[in-house]
Amino acid sequence: MRSGHTRESPVRGLQQRKFFNELEDAIVDRLHADARSEGARDDLARQTGISDASLLSELTELGFTTRTLIALRLIPLVLVAWADHRVDTGERQAVLDAASKLGIRPESEAYMMLDHWLREVPPRESVDAWKRYMRDAMGRLSQRARVKLASFFRAQMTAIAKASGGQFGFGKVSGKERQVIDGFMNTLCH
């Protein structure tokens, strides 16, 4: 081994990963505990206009607050990234770029939640909450606005699917990614 060049031991690397995973779990647990408070639920209802008590309960049980609800908006993008059972670097960056455009900053709770979802598949309940939330929101929009919003979501999801490079570096959408996109579009359009 050359002088001045050190190599991290495998045991130390495992210990560091374990430490950071435990730290991340503690942060996520804190977010969930904060969301479950009565004040957080009332604030979520007031800020979003959601009046469906069961949806509010589900969102707070999943750890959503007014500070993290914006991350729910990115569930379709995250699940398209996970469609092939892993999130590659290009997909991860494309999702984080979309988050940045929504104003989600690396120091925010929403970013922490999103970062967690890009390392671990979001719970099924988050997807169900997104679907209920979007059905409610779409029901309040004009037909023209619904079409525009659905088109916007499709374009974003397709961009995430193409971010992985596809075959020979040409942004192809895989069958699994197409299936995920179609599932979300079905929710938006019906």
C-alpha atoms as a PDB file:
ATOM      1  CA  MET A   1       0.000   0.000   0.000  1.00  0.00           C
ATOM      2  CA  ARG A   2       1.335   3.418  -0.905  1.00  0.00           C
ATOM      3  CA  SER A   3       2.183   5.804   1.867  1.00  0.00           C
ATOM      4  CA  GLY A   4      -0.488   8.366   2.644  1.00  0.00           C
ATOM      5  CA  HIS A   5      -3.213   6.174   1.166  1.00  0.00           C
ATOM      6  CA  THR A   6      -5.524   4.543   3.697  1.00  0.00           C
ATOM      7  CA  ARG A   7      -8.201   2.025   3.103  1.00  0.00           C
ATOM      8  CA  GLU A   8     -11.353   1.870   5.184  1.00  0.00           C
ATOM      9  CA  SER A   9     -11.834  -1.470   6.873  1.00  0.00           C
ATOM     10  CA  PRO A  10     -14.986  -3.369   5.869  1.00  0.00           C
ATOM     11  CA  VAL A  11     -16.044  -3.565   9.527  1.00  0.00           C
ATOM     12  CA  ARG A  12     -15.704   0.192  10.006  1.00  0.00           C
ATOM     13  CA  GLY A  13     -17.678   0.825   6.800  1.00  0.00           C
ATOM     14  CA  LEU A  14     -20.476  -1.463   8.007  1.00  0.00           C
ATOM     15  CA  GLN A  15     -20.510   0.284  11.378  1.00  0.00           C
ATOM     16  CA  GLN A  16     -20.785   3.687   9.726  1.00  0.00           C
ATOM     17  CA  ARG A  17     -23.620   2.549   7.442  1.00  0.00           C
ATOM     18  CA  LYS A  18     -25.425   1.030  10.434  1.00  0.00           C
ATOM     19  CA  PHE A  19     -25.013   4.282  12.376  1.00  0.00           C
ATOM     20  CA  PHE A  20     -26.386   6.413   9.525  1.00  0.00           C
ATOM     21  CA  ASN A  21     -29.272   3.993   8.899  1.00  0.00           C
ATOM     22  CA  GLU A  22     -30.185   4.154  12.601  1.00  0.00           C
ATOM     23  CA  LEU A  23     -29.913   7.949  12.542  1.00  0.00           C
ATOM     24  CA  GLU A  24     -32.168   8.109   9.474  1.00  0.00           C
ATOM     25  CA  ASP A  25     -34.692   5.789  11.149  1.00  0.00           C
ATOM     26  CA  ALA A  26     -34.698   8.038  14.225  1.00  0.00           C
ATOM     27  CA  ILE A  27     -35.365  11.111  12.059  1.00  0.00           C
ATOM     28  CA  VAL A  28     -38.207   9.366  10.222  1.00  0.00           C
ATOM     29  CA  ASP A  29     -39.662   8.198  13.562  1.00  0.00           C
ATOM     30  CA  ARG A  30     -39.540  11.804  14.840  1.00  0.00           C
ATOM     31  CA  LEU A  31     -41.307  13.058  11.712  1.00  0.00           C
ATOM     32  CA  HIS A  32     -44.036  10.471  12.212  1.00  0.00           C
ATOM     33  CA  ALA A  33     -44.443  11.339  15.894  1.00  0.00           C
ATOM     34  CA  ASP A  34     -44.662  15.058  15.072  1.00  0.00           C
ATOM     35  CA  ALA A  35     -47.284  14.367  12.397  1.00  0.00           C
ATOM     36  CA  ARG A  36     -49.468  12.375  14.775  1.00  0.00           C
ATOM     37  CA  SER A  37     -49.968  15.276  17.160  1.00  0.00           C
ATOM     38  CA  GLU A  38     -53.435  16.823  17.265  1.00  0.00           C
ATOM     39  CA  GLY A  39     -52.045  20.237  16.345  1.00  0.00           C
ATOM     40  CA  ALA A  40     -50.296  18.849  13.264  1.00  0.00           C
ATOM     41  CA  ARG A  41     -53.497  17.214  12.055  1.00  0.00           C
ATOM     42  CA  ASP A  42     -55.495  20.419  12.534  1.00  0.00           C
ATOM     43  CA  ASP A  43     -52.776  22.409  10.763  1.00  0.00           C
ATOM     44  CA  LEU A  44     -52.765  19.948   7.853  1.00  0.00           C
ATOM     45  CA  ALA A  45     -56.541  20.262   7.490  1.00  0.00           C
ATOM     46  CA  ARG A  46     -56.401  24.044   7.646  1.00  0.00           C
ATOM     47  CA  GLN A  47     -53.487  24.440   5.205  1.00  0.00           C
ATOM     48  CA  THR A  48     -54.671  21.919   2.607  1.00  0.00           C
ATOM     49  CA  GLY A  49     -58.425  22.234   2.800  1.00  0.00           C
ATOM     50  CA  ILE A  50     -58.719  18.455   3.194  1.00  0.00           C
ATOM     51  CA  SER A  51     -61.939  17.751   5.036  1.00  0.00           C
ATOM     52  CA  ASP A  52     -61.961  13.959   4.735  1.00  0.00           C
ATOM     53  CA  ALA A  53     -61.202  12.868   8.315  1.00  0.00           C
ATOM     54  CA  SER A  54     -60.039   9.381   7.320  1.00  0.00           C
ATOM     55  CA  LEU A  55     -57.629  10.789   4.717  1.00  0.00           C
ATOM     56  CA  LEU A  56     -56.256  13.232   7.293  1.00  0.00           C
ATOM     57  CA  SER A  57     -55.779  10.351   9.728  1.00  0.00           C
ATOM     58  CA  GLU A  58     -53.981   8.273   7.108  1.00  0.00           C
ATOM     59  CA  LEU A  59     -51.712  11.145   6.130  1.00  0.00           C
ATOM     60  CA  THR A  60     -50.732  11.911   9.719  1.00  0.00           C
ATOM     61  CA  GLU A  61     -50.179   8.204  10.496  1.00  0.00           C
ATOM     62  CA  LEU A  62     -47.810   8.090   7.514  1.00  0.00           C
ATOM     63  CA  GLY A  63     -45.870  11.050   8.921  1.00  0.00           C
ATOM     64  CA  PHE A  64     -47.169  13.830   6.686  1.00  0.00           C
ATOM     65  CA  THR A  65     -47.367  17.374   7.979  1.00  0.00           C
ATOM     66  CA  THR A  66     -47.809  20.670   6.155  1.00  0.00           C
ATOM     67  CA  ARG A  67     -43.994  20.715   5.870  1.00  0.00           C
ATOM     68  CA  THR A  68     -43.788  17.242   4.300  1.00  0.00           C
ATOM     69  CA  LEU A  69     -47.015  16.969   2.288  1.00  0.00           C
ATOM     70  CA  ILE A  70     -45.262  18.411  -0.771  1.00  0.00           C
ATOM     71  CA  ALA A  71     -43.232  15.177  -0.875  1.00  0.00           C
ATOM     72  CA  LEU A  72     -46.480  13.251  -1.420  1.00  0.00           C
ATOM     73  CA  ARG A  73     -46.739  15.052  -4.751  1.00  0.00           C
ATOM     74  CA  LEU A  74     -43.606  13.152  -5.875  1.00  0.00           C
ATOM     75  CA  ILE A  75     -44.858   9.625  -5.096  1.00  0.00           C
ATOM     76  CA  PRO A  76     -45.535   8.843  -8.785  1.00  0.00           C
ATOM     77  CA  LEU A  77     -42.020   9.898  -9.746  1.00  0.00           C
ATOM     78  CA  VAL A  78     -40.465   7.850  -6.954  1.00  0.00           C
ATOM     79  CA  LEU A  79     -42.452   4.741  -7.893  1.00  0.00           C
ATOM     80  CA  VAL A  80     -41.537   5.060 -11.558  1.00  0.00           C
ATOM     81  CA  ALA A  81     -37.904   5.160 -10.402  1.00  0.00           C
ATOM     82  CA  TRP A  82     -38.534   1.972  -8.364  1.00  0.00           C
ATOM     83  CA  ALA A  83     -40.412   0.196 -11.214  1.00  0.00           C
ATOM     84  CA  ASP A  84     -37.379  -1.908 -12.119  1.00  0.00           C
ATOM     85  CA  HIS A  85     -36.784  -2.764  -8.419  1.00  0.00           C
ATOM     86  CA  ARG A  86     -33.946  -0.293  -7.908  1.00  0.00           C
ATOM     87  CA  VAL A  87     -33.354   3.426  -8.253  1.00  0.00           C
ATOM     88  CA  ASP A  88     -30.307   4.230 -10.356  1.00  0.00           C
ATOM     89  CA  THR A  89     -28.281   7.421 -10.175  1.00  0.00           C
ATOM     90  CA  GLY A  90     -29.972   9.067 -13.168  1.00  0.00           C
ATOM     91  CA  GLU A  91     -33.461   8.382 -11.823  1.00  0.00           C
ATOM     92  CA  ARG A  92     -32.514   9.583  -8.349  1.00  0.00           C
ATOM     93  CA  GLN A  93     -31.126  12.825  -9.745  1.00  0.00           C
ATOM     94  CA  ALA A  94     -34.171  13.368 -11.969  1.00  0.00           C
ATOM     95  CA  VAL A  95     -36.510  12.976  -8.949  1.00  0.00           C
ATOM     96  CA  LEU A  96     -34.371  15.324  -6.842  1.00  0.00           C
ATOM     97  CA  ASP A  97     -34.345  17.863  -9.694  1.00  0.00           C
ATOM     98  CA  ALA A  98     -38.162  17.704  -9.826  1.00  0.00           C
ATOM     99  CA  ALA A  99     -38.234  18.206  -6.039  1.00  0.00           C
ATOM    100  CA  SER A 100     -35.960  21.223  -6.326  1.00  0.00           C
ATOM    101  CA  LYS A 101     -38.321  22.772  -8.891  1.00  0.00           C
ATOM    102  CA  LEU A 102     -41.114  22.399  -6.320  1.00  0.00           C
ATOM    103  CA  GLY A 103     -39.004  24.258  -3.768  1.00  0.00           C
ATOM    104  CA  ILE A 104     -37.971  21.217  -1.744  1.00  0.00           C
ATOM    105  CA  ARG A 105     -34.547  22.018  -0.291  1.00  0.00           C
ATOM    106  CA  PRO A 106     -32.001  19.500   1.057  1.00  0.00           C
ATOM    107  CA  GLU A 107     -32.388  20.793   4.613  1.00  0.00           C
ATOM    108  CA  SER A 108     -36.179  20.361   4.643  1.00  0.00           C
ATOM    109  CA  GLU A 109     -38.232  17.589   6.212  1.00  0.00           C
ATOM    110  CA  ALA A 110     -39.864  16.918   2.837  1.00  0.00           C
ATOM    111  CA  TYR A 111     -36.412  16.296   1.324  1.00  0.00           C
ATOM    112  CA  MET A 112     -35.539  13.878   4.143  1.00  0.00           C
ATOM    113  CA  MET A 113     -38.737  11.952   3.460  1.00  0.00           C
ATOM    114  CA  LEU A 114     -38.071  11.936  -0.286  1.00  0.00           C
ATOM    115  CA  ASP A 115     -34.461  10.851   0.226  1.00  0.00           C
ATOM    116  CA  HIS A 116     -35.701   7.984   2.396  1.00  0.00           C
ATOM    117  CA  TRP A 117     -38.156   6.907  -0.340  1.00  0.00           C
ATOM    118  CA  LEU A 118     -35.354   6.894  -2.898  1.00  0.00           C
ATOM    119  CA  ARG A 119     -33.484   4.374  -0.733  1.00  0.00           C
ATOM    120  CA  GLU A 120     -36.496   2.351   0.408  1.00  0.00           C
ATOM    121  CA  VAL A 121     -39.729   1.850  -1.490  1.00  0.00           C
ATOM    122  CA  PRO A 122     -42.460   4.073  -0.019  1.00  0.00           C
ATOM    123  CA  PRO A 123     -45.103   2.165   1.931  1.00  0.00           C
ATOM    124  CA  ARG A 124     -48.172   1.106  -0.023  1.00  0.00           C
ATOM    125  CA  GLU A 125     -50.258   3.301   2.253  1.00  0.00           C
ATOM    126  CA  SER A 126     -48.444   6.391   0.921  1.00  0.00           C
ATOM    127  CA  VAL A 127     -49.462   5.452  -2.607  1.00  0.00           C
ATOM    128  CA  ASP A 128     -53.057   4.925  -1.510  1.00  0.00           C
ATOM    129  CA  ALA A 129     -53.039   8.302   0.268  1.00  0.00           C
ATOM    130  CA  TRP A 130     -51.667   9.953  -2.888  1.00  0.00           C
ATOM    131  CA  LYS A 131     -54.463   8.409  -4.963  1.00  0.00           C
ATOM    132  CA  ARG A 132     -57.183   9.574  -2.569  1.00  0.00           C
ATOM    133  CA  TYR A 133     -55.642  13.028  -2.298  1.00  0.00           C
ATOM    134  CA  MET A 134     -55.380  13.397  -6.086  1.00  0.00           C
ATOM    135  CA  ARG A 135     -58.901  12.110  -6.727  1.00  0.00           C
ATOM    136  CA  ASP A 136     -60.189  14.726  -4.322  1.00  0.00           C
ATOM    137  CA  ALA A 137     -58.044  17.479  -5.865  1.00  0.00           C
ATOM    138  CA  MET A 138     -58.887  16.494  -9.456  1.00  0.00           C
ATOM    139  CA  GLY A 139     -62.585  16.519  -8.589  1.00  0.00           C
ATOM    140  CA  ARG A 140     -62.332  20.222  -7.760  1.00  0.00           C
ATOM    141  CA  LEU A 141     -60.646  21.187 -11.042  1.00  0.00           C
ATOM    142  CA  SER A 142     -62.184  22.095 -14.367  1.00  0.00           C
ATOM    143  CA  GLN A 143     -61.934  19.533 -17.162  1.00  0.00           C
ATOM    144  CA  ARG A 144     -59.304  21.677 -18.891  1.00  0.00           C
ATOM    145  CA  ALA A 145     -57.184  21.924 -15.730  1.00  0.00           C
ATOM    146  CA  ARG A 146     -57.487  18.155 -15.111  1.00  0.00           C
ATOM    147  CA  VAL A 147     -56.227  17.405 -18.625  1.00  0.00           C
ATOM    148  CA  LYS A 148     -53.288  19.808 -18.205  1.00  0.00           C
ATOM    149  CA  LEU A 149     -52.358  18.408 -14.788  1.00  0.00           C
ATOM    150  CA  ALA A 150     -52.573  14.810 -16.009  1.00  0.00           C
ATOM    151  CA  SER A 151     -50.403  15.691 -19.013  1.00  0.00           C
ATOM    152  CA  PHE A 152     -47.876  17.355 -16.711  1.00  0.00           C
ATOM    153  CA  PHE A 153     -47.721  14.268 -14.450  1.00  0.00           C
ATOM    154  CA  ARG A 154     -47.299  11.970 -17.479  1.00  0.00           C
ATOM    155  CA  ALA A 155     -44.431  14.083 -18.805  1.00  0.00           C
ATOM    156  CA  GLN A 156     -42.711  14.091 -15.410  1.00  0.00           C
ATOM    157  CA  MET A 157     -43.075  10.339 -14.912  1.00  0.00           C
ATOM    158  CA  THR A 158     -41.839   9.640 -18.447  1.00  0.00           C
ATOM    159  CA  ALA A 159     -38.806  11.865 -17.846  1.00  0.00           C
ATOM    160  CA  ILE A 160     -37.944   9.841 -14.733  1.00  0.00           C
ATOM    161  CA  ALA A 161     -38.314   6.579 -16.667  1.00  0.00           C
ATOM    162  CA  LYS A 162     -36.036   7.868 -19.417  1.00  0.00           C
ATOM    163  CA  ALA A 163     -33.450   9.151 -16.919  1.00  0.00           C
ATOM    164  CA  SER A 164     -32.036   5.664 -16.429  1.00  0.00           C
ATOM    165  CA  GLY A 165     -30.717   5.675 -19.975  1.00  0.00           C
ATOM    166  CA  GLY A 166     -32.648   2.759 -21.433  1.00  0.00           C
ATOM    167  CA  GLN A 167     -30.973   0.535 -23.979  1.00  0.00           C
ATOM    168  CA  PHE A 168     -27.614   1.750 -25.264  1.00  0.00           C
ATOM    169  CA  GLY A 169     -28.108   5.098 -23.542  1.00  0.00           C
ATOM    170  CA  PHE A 170     -31.269   6.009 -25.432  1.00  0.00           C
ATOM    171  CA  GLY A 171     -33.998   6.927 -22.956  1.00  0.00           C
ATOM    172  CA  LYS A 172     -36.439   4.059 -23.292  1.00  0.00           C
ATOM    173  CA  VAL A 173     -39.350   3.448 -20.982  1.00  0.00           C
ATOM    174  CA  SER A 174     -39.432  -0.154 -19.790  1.00  0.00           C
ATOM    175  CA  GLY A 175     -42.605  -2.218 -19.680  1.00  0.00           C
ATOM    176  CA  LYS A 176     -42.630  -2.066 -15.877  1.00  0.00           C
ATOM    177  CA  GLU A 177     -42.189   1.698 -15.919  1.00  0.00           C
ATOM    178  CA  ARG A 178     -44.986   2.037 -18.501  1.00  0.00           C
ATOM    179  CA  GLN A 179     -47.226  -0.062 -16.251  1.00  0.00           C
ATOM    180  CA  VAL A 180     -46.562   2.206 -13.244  1.00  0.00           C
ATOM    181  CA  ILE A 181     -47.152   5.334 -15.341  1.00  0.00           C
ATOM    182  CA  ASP A 182     -50.406   3.929 -16.730  1.00  0.00           C
ATOM    183  CA  GLY A 183     -51.596   3.049 -13.214  1.00  0.00           C
ATOM    184  CA  PHE A 184     -51.065   6.608 -12.007  1.00  0.00           C
ATOM    185  CA  MET A 185     -52.649   8.045 -15.135  1.00  0.00           C
ATOM    186  CA  ASN A 186     -55.696   5.880 -14.541  1.00  0.00           C
ATOM    187  CA  THR A 187     -56.044   7.455 -11.086  1.00  0.00           C
ATOM    188  CA  LEU A 188     -55.680  10.961 -12.499  1.00  0.00           C
ATOM    189  CA  CYS A 189     -58.073  10.530 -15.406  1.00  0.00           C
ATOM    190  CA  HIS A 190     -60.903   8.592 -13.730  1.00  0.00           C
END
